[in-house]
PDB file of N, CA and C in Angstrom:
ATOM      1  N   UNK A   1    -210.933  51.224 -99.301  1.00  0.00           N
ATOM      2  CA  UNK A   1    -211.657  50.067 -98.823  1.00  0.00           C
ATOM      3  C   UNK A   1    -211.095  49.655 -97.464  1.00  0.00           C
ATOM      4  N   UNK A   2    -211.971  49.260 -96.565  1.00  0.00           N
ATOM      5  CA  UNK A   2    -211.577  48.825 -95.241  1.00  0.00           C
ATOM      6  C   UNK A   2    -211.764  47.325 -95.146  1.00  0.00           C
ATOM      7  N   UNK A   3    -210.772  46.643 -94.614  1.00  0.00           N
ATOM      8  CA  UNK A   3    -210.878  45.201 -94.414  1.00  0.00           C
ATOM      9  C   UNK A   3    -211.225  44.929 -92.963  1.00  0.00           C
ATOM     10  N   UNK A   4    -212.290  44.207 -92.768  1.00  0.00           N
ATOM     11  CA  UNK A   4    -212.715  43.819 -91.427  1.00  0.00           C
ATOM     12  C   UNK A   4    -212.837  42.306 -91.435  1.00  0.00           C
ATOM     13  N   UNK A   5    -212.271  41.689 -90.444  1.00  0.00           N
ATOM     14  CA  UNK A   5    -212.322  40.239 -90.388  1.00  0.00           C
ATOM     15  C   UNK A   5    -212.647  39.746 -88.996  1.00  0.00           C
ATOM     16  N   UNK A   6    -212.211  38.549 -88.731  1.00  0.00           N
ATOM     17  CA  UNK A   6    -212.529  37.872 -87.477  1.00  0.00           C
ATOM     18  C   UNK A   6    -212.176  38.672 -86.218  1.00  0.00           C
ATOM     19  N   UNK A   7    -211.077  39.440 -86.191  1.00  0.00           N
ATOM     20  CA  UNK A   7    -210.774  40.206 -84.975  1.00  0.00           C
ATOM     21  C   UNK A   7    -211.875  41.195 -84.572  1.00  0.00           C
ATOM     22  N   UNK A   8    -212.733  41.562 -85.504  1.00  0.00           N
ATOM     23  CA  UNK A   8    -213.813  42.504 -85.205  1.00  0.00           C
ATOM     24  C   UNK A   8    -215.006  41.846 -84.522  1.00  0.00           C
ATOM     25  N   UNK A   9    -215.105  40.523 -84.584  1.00  0.00           N
ATOM     26  CA  UNK A   9    -216.298  39.827 -84.089  1.00  0.00           C
ATOM     27  C   UNK A   9    -216.591  40.102 -82.612  1.00  0.00           C
ATOM     28  N   UNK A  10    -215.639  39.996 -81.683  1.00  0.00           N
ATOM     29  CA  UNK A  10    -215.969  40.263 -80.279  1.00  0.00           C
ATOM     30  C   UNK A  10    -216.506  41.680 -80.034  1.00  0.00           C
ATOM     31  N   UNK A  11    -215.947  42.655 -80.724  1.00  0.00           N
ATOM     32  CA  UNK A  11    -216.433  44.035 -80.556  1.00  0.00           C
ATOM     33  C   UNK A  11    -217.850  44.183 -81.103  1.00  0.00           C
ATOM     34  N   UNK A  12    -218.145  43.518 -82.215  1.00  0.00           N
ATOM     35  CA  UNK A  12    -219.487  43.601 -82.799  1.00  0.00           C
ATOM     36  C   UNK A  12    -220.508  42.911 -81.889  1.00  0.00           C
ATOM     37  N   UNK A  13    -220.118  41.806 -81.287  1.00  0.00           N
ATOM     38  CA  UNK A  13    -220.996  41.114 -80.339  1.00  0.00           C
ATOM     39  C   UNK A  13    -221.255  42.014 -79.130  1.00  0.00           C
ATOM     40  N   UNK A  14    -220.203  42.648 -78.630  1.00  0.00           N
ATOM     41  CA  UNK A  14    -220.369  43.565 -77.493  1.00  0.00           C
ATOM     42  C   UNK A  14    -221.328  44.695 -77.852  1.00  0.00           C
ATOM     43  N   UNK A  15    -221.226  45.216 -79.070  1.00  0.00           N
ATOM     44  CA  UNK A  15    -222.157  46.267 -79.495  1.00  0.00           C
ATOM     45  C   UNK A  15    -223.595  45.758 -79.479  1.00  0.00           C
ATOM     46  N   UNK A  16    -223.809  44.551 -79.970  1.00  0.00           N
ATOM     47  CA  UNK A  16    -225.165  43.991 -79.988  1.00  0.00           C
ATOM     48  C   UNK A  16    -225.720  43.820 -78.579  1.00  0.00           C
ATOM     49  N   UNK A  17    -224.865  43.370 -77.679  1.00  0.00           N
ATOM     50  CA  UNK A  17    -225.323  43.053 -76.325  1.00  0.00           C
ATOM     51  C   UNK A  17    -225.429  44.268 -75.413  1.00  0.00           C
ATOM     52  N   UNK A  18    -224.591  45.267 -75.612  1.00  0.00           N
ATOM     53  CA  UNK A  18    -224.445  46.301 -74.595  1.00  0.00           C
ATOM     54  C   UNK A  18    -224.968  47.687 -74.942  1.00  0.00           C
ATOM     55  N   UNK A  19    -225.056  48.038 -76.216  1.00  0.00           N
ATOM     56  CA  UNK A  19    -225.412  49.411 -76.539  1.00  0.00           C
ATOM     57  C   UNK A  19    -226.905  49.585 -76.764  1.00  0.00           C
ATOM     58  N   UNK A  20    -227.377  50.742 -76.395  1.00  0.00           N
ATOM     59  CA  UNK A  20    -228.762  51.103 -76.667  1.00  0.00           C
ATOM     60  C   UNK A  20    -228.887  51.856 -77.986  1.00  0.00           C
ATOM     61  N   UNK A  21    -227.762  52.131 -78.639  1.00  0.00           N
ATOM     62  CA  UNK A  21    -227.744  52.848 -79.908  1.00  0.00           C
ATOM     63  C   UNK A  21    -228.132  51.887 -81.036  1.00  0.00           C
ATOM     64  N   UNK A  22    -229.359  52.020 -81.498  1.00  0.00           N
ATOM     65  CA  UNK A  22    -229.877  51.095 -82.507  1.00  0.00           C
ATOM     66  C   UNK A  22    -229.054  51.137 -83.791  1.00  0.00           C
ATOM     67  N   UNK A  23    -228.613  52.303 -84.180  1.00  0.00           N
ATOM     68  CA  UNK A  23    -227.821  52.428 -85.407  1.00  0.00           C
ATOM     69  C   UNK A  23    -226.504  51.654 -85.296  1.00  0.00           C
ATOM     70  N   UNK A  24    -225.860  51.744 -84.132  1.00  0.00           N
ATOM     71  CA  UNK A  24    -224.618  51.005 -83.921  1.00  0.00           C
ATOM     72  C   UNK A  24    -224.876  49.498 -83.936  1.00  0.00           C
ATOM     73  N   UNK A  25    -225.979  49.066 -83.325  1.00  0.00           N
ATOM     74  CA  UNK A  25    -226.314  47.639 -83.339  1.00  0.00           C
ATOM     75  C   UNK A  25    -226.562  47.140 -84.760  1.00  0.00           C
ATOM     76  N   UNK A  26    -227.271  47.921 -85.568  1.00  0.00           N
ATOM     77  CA  UNK A  26    -227.552  47.508 -86.945  1.00  0.00           C
ATOM     78  C   UNK A  26    -226.276  47.458 -87.783  1.00  0.00           C
ATOM     79  N   UNK A  27    -225.401  48.402 -87.579  1.00  0.00           N
ATOM     80  CA  UNK A  27    -224.134  48.383 -88.313  1.00  0.00           C
ATOM     81  C   UNK A  27    -223.274  47.193 -87.883  1.00  0.00           C
ATOM     82  N   UNK A  28    -223.319  46.888 -86.600  1.00  0.00           N
ATOM     83  CA  UNK A  28    -222.577  45.725 -86.104  1.00  0.00           C
ATOM     84  C   UNK A  28    -223.138  44.443 -86.700  1.00  0.00           C
ATOM     85  N   UNK A  29    -224.455  44.363 -86.827  1.00  0.00           N
ATOM     86  CA  UNK A  29    -225.076  43.203 -87.483  1.00  0.00           C
ATOM     87  C   UNK A  29    -224.582  43.069 -88.917  1.00  0.00           C
ATOM     88  N   UNK A  30    -224.487  44.194 -89.613  1.00  0.00           N
ATOM     89  CA  UNK A  30    -224.008  44.172 -90.989  1.00  0.00           C
ATOM     90  C   UNK A  30    -222.595  43.639 -91.092  1.00  0.00           C
ATOM     91  N   UNK A  31    -221.742  44.053 -90.165  1.00  0.00           N
ATOM     92  CA  UNK A  31    -220.364  43.560 -90.153  1.00  0.00           C
ATOM     93  C   UNK A  31    -220.365  42.055 -89.899  1.00  0.00           C
ATOM     94  N   UNK A  32    -221.122  41.618 -88.914  1.00  0.00           N
ATOM     95  CA  UNK A  32    -221.179  40.181 -88.599  1.00  0.00           C
ATOM     96  C   UNK A  32    -221.729  39.383 -89.772  1.00  0.00           C
ATOM     97  N   UNK A  33    -222.733  39.897 -90.431  1.00  0.00           N
ATOM     98  CA  UNK A  33    -223.320  39.228 -91.601  1.00  0.00           C
ATOM     99  C   UNK A  33    -222.241  38.944 -92.643  1.00  0.00           C
ATOM    100  N   UNK A  34    -221.410  39.928 -92.915  1.00  0.00           N
ATOM    101  CA  UNK A  34    -220.379  39.764 -93.936  1.00  0.00           C
ATOM    102  C   UNK A  34    -219.196  38.933 -93.442  1.00  0.00           C
ATOM    103  N   UNK A  35    -218.778  39.165 -92.216  1.00  0.00           N
ATOM    104  CA  UNK A  35    -217.614  38.440 -91.691  1.00  0.00           C
ATOM    105  C   UNK A  35    -217.931  36.962 -91.503  1.00  0.00           C
ATOM    106  N   UNK A  36    -219.128  36.653 -91.039  1.00  0.00           N
ATOM    107  CA  UNK A  36    -219.493  35.262 -90.775  1.00  0.00           C
ATOM    108  C   UNK A  36    -219.904  34.509 -92.038  1.00  0.00           C
ATOM    109  N   UNK A  37    -220.207  35.225 -93.098  1.00  0.00           N
ATOM    110  CA  UNK A  37    -220.505  34.551 -94.355  1.00  0.00           C
ATOM    111  C   UNK A  37    -221.973  34.386 -94.667  1.00  0.00           C
ATOM    112  N   UNK A  38    -222.835  35.222 -94.105  1.00  0.00           N
ATOM    113  CA  UNK A  38    -224.238  35.192 -94.503  1.00  0.00           C
ATOM    114  C   UNK A  38    -225.217  35.019 -93.361  1.00  0.00           C
ATOM    115  N   UNK A  39    -226.458  34.973 -93.758  1.00  0.00           N
ATOM    116  CA  UNK A  39    -227.587  34.937 -92.830  1.00  0.00           C
ATOM    117  C   UNK A  39    -227.569  33.705 -91.929  1.00  0.00           C
ATOM    118  N   UNK A  40    -227.313  32.545 -92.509  1.00  0.00           N
ATOM    119  CA  UNK A  40    -227.344  31.302 -91.731  1.00  0.00           C
ATOM    120  C   UNK A  40    -226.372  31.361 -90.558  1.00  0.00           C
ATOM    121  N   UNK A  41    -225.147  31.762 -90.831  1.00  0.00           N
ATOM    122  CA  UNK A  41    -224.130  31.820 -89.779  1.00  0.00           C
ATOM    123  C   UNK A  41    -224.441  32.917 -88.762  1.00  0.00           C
ATOM    124  N   UNK A  42    -224.974  34.034 -89.244  1.00  0.00           N
ATOM    125  CA  UNK A  42    -225.351  35.120 -88.340  1.00  0.00           C
ATOM    126  C   UNK A  42    -226.447  34.662 -87.391  1.00  0.00           C
ATOM    127  N   UNK A  43    -227.468  33.992 -87.917  1.00  0.00           N
ATOM    128  CA  UNK A  43    -228.561  33.524 -87.071  1.00  0.00           C
ATOM    129  C   UNK A  43    -228.099  32.454 -86.085  1.00  0.00           C
ATOM    130  N   UNK A  44    -227.138  31.622 -86.485  1.00  0.00           N
ATOM    131  CA  UNK A  44    -226.572  30.635 -85.560  1.00  0.00           C
ATOM    132  C   UNK A  44    -225.885  31.347 -84.393  1.00  0.00           C
ATOM    133  N   UNK A  45    -225.098  32.373 -84.706  1.00  0.00           N
ATOM    134  CA  UNK A  45    -224.434  33.137 -83.659  1.00  0.00           C
ATOM    135  C   UNK A  45    -225.450  33.802 -82.738  1.00  0.00           C
ATOM    136  N   UNK A  46    -226.459  34.432 -83.313  1.00  0.00           N
ATOM    137  CA  UNK A  46    -227.470  35.109 -82.503  1.00  0.00           C
ATOM    138  C   UNK A  46    -228.210  34.118 -81.611  1.00  0.00           C
ATOM    139  N   UNK A  47    -228.447  32.914 -82.093  1.00  0.00           N
ATOM    140  CA  UNK A  47    -229.082  31.881 -81.269  1.00  0.00           C
ATOM    141  C   UNK A  47    -228.225  31.518 -80.075  1.00  0.00           C
ATOM    142  N   UNK A  48    -226.911  31.411 -80.291  1.00  0.00           N
ATOM    143  CA  UNK A  48    -225.998  31.109 -79.182  1.00  0.00           C
ATOM    144  C   UNK A  48    -225.951  32.256 -78.189  1.00  0.00           C
ATOM    145  N   UNK A  49    -225.944  33.486 -78.695  1.00  0.00           N
ATOM    146  CA  UNK A  49    -225.936  34.649 -77.806  1.00  0.00           C
ATOM    147  C   UNK A  49    -227.229  34.714 -76.995  1.00  0.00           C
ATOM    148  N   UNK A  50    -228.333  34.406 -77.642  1.00  0.00           N
ATOM    149  CA  UNK A  50    -229.633  34.415 -76.953  1.00  0.00           C
ATOM    150  C   UNK A  50    -229.653  33.368 -75.840  1.00  0.00           C
ATOM    151  N   UNK A  51    -229.098  32.205 -76.113  1.00  0.00           N
ATOM    152  CA  UNK A  51    -229.096  31.121 -75.130  1.00  0.00           C
ATOM    153  C   UNK A  51    -228.259  31.460 -73.906  1.00  0.00           C
ATOM    154  N   UNK A  52    -227.209  32.229 -74.084  1.00  0.00           N
ATOM    155  CA  UNK A  52    -226.340  32.544 -72.949  1.00  0.00           C
ATOM    156  C   UNK A  52    -226.724  33.841 -72.234  1.00  0.00           C
ATOM    157  N   UNK A  53    -227.639  34.597 -72.809  1.00  0.00           N
ATOM    158  CA  UNK A  53    -228.021  35.894 -72.231  1.00  0.00           C
ATOM    159  C   UNK A  53    -228.769  35.696 -70.920  1.00  0.00           C
ATOM    160  N   UNK A  54    -228.217  36.233 -69.868  1.00  0.00           N
ATOM    161  CA  UNK A  54    -228.873  36.159 -68.559  1.00  0.00           C
ATOM    162  C   UNK A  54    -229.610  37.449 -68.229  1.00  0.00           C
ATOM    163  N   UNK A  55    -229.149  38.547 -68.773  1.00  0.00           N
ATOM    164  CA  UNK A  55    -229.759  39.858 -68.546  1.00  0.00           C
ATOM    165  C   UNK A  55    -230.914  40.050 -69.526  1.00  0.00           C
ATOM    166  N   UNK A  56    -232.057  40.504 -69.032  1.00  0.00           N
ATOM    167  CA  UNK A  56    -233.239  40.668 -69.876  1.00  0.00           C
ATOM    168  C   UNK A  56    -233.021  41.698 -70.976  1.00  0.00           C
ATOM    169  N   UNK A  57    -232.304  42.761 -70.671  1.00  0.00           N
ATOM    170  CA  UNK A  57    -232.046  43.795 -71.681  1.00  0.00           C
ATOM    171  C   UNK A  57    -231.185  43.240 -72.812  1.00  0.00           C
ATOM    172  N   UNK A  58    -230.187  42.435 -72.475  1.00  0.00           N
ATOM    173  CA  UNK A  58    -229.327  41.819 -73.482  1.00  0.00           C
ATOM    174  C   UNK A  58    -230.150  40.858 -74.333  1.00  0.00           C
ATOM    175  N   UNK A  59    -230.965  40.039 -73.691  1.00  0.00           N
ATOM    176  CA  UNK A  59    -231.803  39.083 -74.414  1.00  0.00           C
ATOM    177  C   UNK A  59    -232.737  39.806 -75.383  1.00  0.00           C
ATOM    178  N   UNK A  60    -233.280  40.923 -74.949  1.00  0.00           N
ATOM    179  CA  UNK A  60    -234.187  41.698 -75.806  1.00  0.00           C
ATOM    180  C   UNK A  60    -233.441  42.278 -77.009  1.00  0.00           C
ATOM    181  N   UNK A  61    -232.225  42.768 -76.804  1.00  0.00           N
ATOM    182  CA  UNK A  61    -231.433  43.301 -77.920  1.00  0.00           C
ATOM    183  C   UNK A  61    -231.096  42.205 -78.937  1.00  0.00           C
ATOM    184  N   UNK A  62    -230.722  41.035 -78.430  1.00  0.00           N
ATOM    185  CA  UNK A  62    -230.371  39.927 -79.327  1.00  0.00           C
ATOM    186  C   UNK A  62    -231.611  39.447 -80.073  1.00  0.00           C
ATOM    187  N   UNK A  63    -232.728  39.387 -79.400  1.00  0.00           N
ATOM    188  CA  UNK A  63    -233.980  38.984 -80.046  1.00  0.00           C
ATOM    189  C   UNK A  63    -234.336  39.957 -81.169  1.00  0.00           C
ATOM    190  N   UNK A  64    -234.172  41.241 -80.917  1.00  0.00           N
ATOM    191  CA  UNK A  64    -234.447  42.248 -81.943  1.00  0.00           C
ATOM    192  C   UNK A  64    -233.477  42.105 -83.117  1.00  0.00           C
ATOM    193  N   UNK A  65    -232.224  41.798 -82.824  1.00  0.00           N
ATOM    194  CA  UNK A  65    -231.223  41.606 -83.877  1.00  0.00           C
ATOM    195  C   UNK A  65    -231.590  40.405 -84.747  1.00  0.00           C
ATOM    196  N   UNK A  66    -232.039  39.334 -84.124  1.00  0.00           N
ATOM    197  CA  UNK A  66    -232.431  38.141 -84.879  1.00  0.00           C
ATOM    198  C   UNK A  66    -233.648  38.429 -85.751  1.00  0.00           C
ATOM    199  N   UNK A  67    -234.612  39.151 -85.213  1.00  0.00           N
ATOM    200  CA  UNK A  67    -235.810  39.493 -85.985  1.00  0.00           C
ATOM    201  C   UNK A  67    -235.442  40.369 -87.184  1.00  0.00           C
ATOM    202  N   UNK A  68    -234.577  41.346 -86.969  1.00  0.00           N
ATOM    203  CA  UNK A  68    -234.126  42.204 -88.066  1.00  0.00           C
ATOM    204  C   UNK A  68    -233.409  41.380 -89.126  1.00  0.00           C
ATOM    205  N   UNK A  69    -232.537  40.487 -88.678  1.00  0.00           N
ATOM    206  CA  UNK A  69    -231.760  39.656 -89.604  1.00  0.00           C
ATOM    207  C   UNK A  69    -232.668  38.762 -90.441  1.00  0.00           C
ATOM    208  N   UNK A  70    -233.665  38.156 -89.798  1.00  0.00           N
ATOM    209  CA  UNK A  70    -234.612  37.292 -90.518  1.00  0.00           C
ATOM    210  C   UNK A  70    -235.318  38.071 -91.620  1.00  0.00           C
ATOM    211  N   UNK A  71    -235.683  39.298 -91.317  1.00  0.00           N
ATOM    212  CA  UNK A  71    -236.479  40.093 -92.242  1.00  0.00           C
ATOM    213  C   UNK A  71    -235.652  40.764 -93.342  1.00  0.00           C
ATOM    214  N   UNK A  72    -234.448  41.208 -93.011  1.00  0.00           N
ATOM    215  CA  UNK A  72    -233.708  42.073 -93.930  1.00  0.00           C
ATOM    216  C   UNK A  72    -232.530  41.433 -94.657  1.00  0.00           C
ATOM    217  N   UNK A  73    -232.026  40.332 -94.178  1.00  0.00           N
ATOM    218  CA  UNK A  73    -230.870  39.716 -94.826  1.00  0.00           C
ATOM    219  C   UNK A  73    -231.295  38.507 -95.639  1.00  0.00           C
ATOM    220  N   UNK A  74    -230.594  38.311 -96.739  1.00  0.00           N
ATOM    221  CA  UNK A  74    -230.821  37.143 -97.580  1.00  0.00           C
ATOM    222  C   UNK A  74    -229.619  36.237 -97.448  1.00  0.00           C
ATOM    223  N   UNK A  75    -229.843  34.963 -97.628  1.00  0.00           N
ATOM    224  CA  UNK A  75    -228.723  34.015 -97.581  1.00  0.00           C
ATOM    225  C   UNK A  75    -227.890  34.216 -98.832  1.00  0.00           C
ATOM    226  N   UNK A  76    -226.602  34.399 -98.630  1.00  0.00           N
ATOM    227  CA  UNK A  76    -225.717  34.685 -99.758  1.00  0.00           C
ATOM    228  C   UNK A  76    -224.953  33.473-100.244  1.00  0.00           C
ATOM    229  N   UNK A  77    -224.738  32.509 -99.376  1.00  0.00           N
ATOM    230  CA  UNK A  77    -223.943  31.356 -99.741  1.00  0.00           C
ATOM    231  C   UNK A  77    -222.449  31.652 -99.748  1.00  0.00           C
ATOM    232  N   UNK A  78    -222.085  32.829 -99.230  1.00  0.00           N
ATOM    233  CA  UNK A  78    -220.672  33.197 -99.180  1.00  0.00           C
ATOM    234  C   UNK A  78    -219.958  32.389 -98.110  1.00  0.00           C
ATOM    235  N   UNK A  79    -218.662  32.212 -98.308  1.00  0.00           N
ATOM    236  CA  UNK A  79    -217.840  31.606 -97.280  1.00  0.00           C
ATOM    237  C   UNK A  79    -217.497  32.656 -96.241  1.00  0.00           C
ATOM    238  N   UNK A  80    -217.370  32.256 -94.990  1.00  0.00           N
ATOM    239  CA  UNK A  80    -216.931  33.210 -93.966  1.00  0.00           C
ATOM    240  C   UNK A  80    -215.593  33.827 -94.347  1.00  0.00           C
ATOM    241  N   UNK A  81    -215.365  35.049 -93.884  1.00  0.00           N
ATOM    242  CA  UNK A  81    -214.119  35.744 -94.188  1.00  0.00           C
ATOM    243  C   UNK A  81    -212.963  35.312 -93.320  1.00  0.00           C
ATOM    244  N   UNK A  82    -213.206  34.456 -92.354  1.00  0.00           N
ATOM    245  CA  UNK A  82    -212.116  34.020 -91.486  1.00  0.00           C
ATOM    246  C   UNK A  82    -211.849  32.549 -91.670  1.00  0.00           C
TER     247      UNK A  82
END
């Protein structure tokens, strides 16, 4: 078993914002979903990332991540891992 916690968050955010590899972005979303404690916290983070995105490509990636999260993740009610 691998333990991933708060130290992974900046790298996962960078993956969401910078990579064109959809598989890597989806896996990063999965890590954030679990580390942050569920859909609600993930969507809050994505909203903040969207608000600060100045580059159109970054904004588009974050928008796609939010749409995927809305459709595929359920609220778990878990506490964040950090």
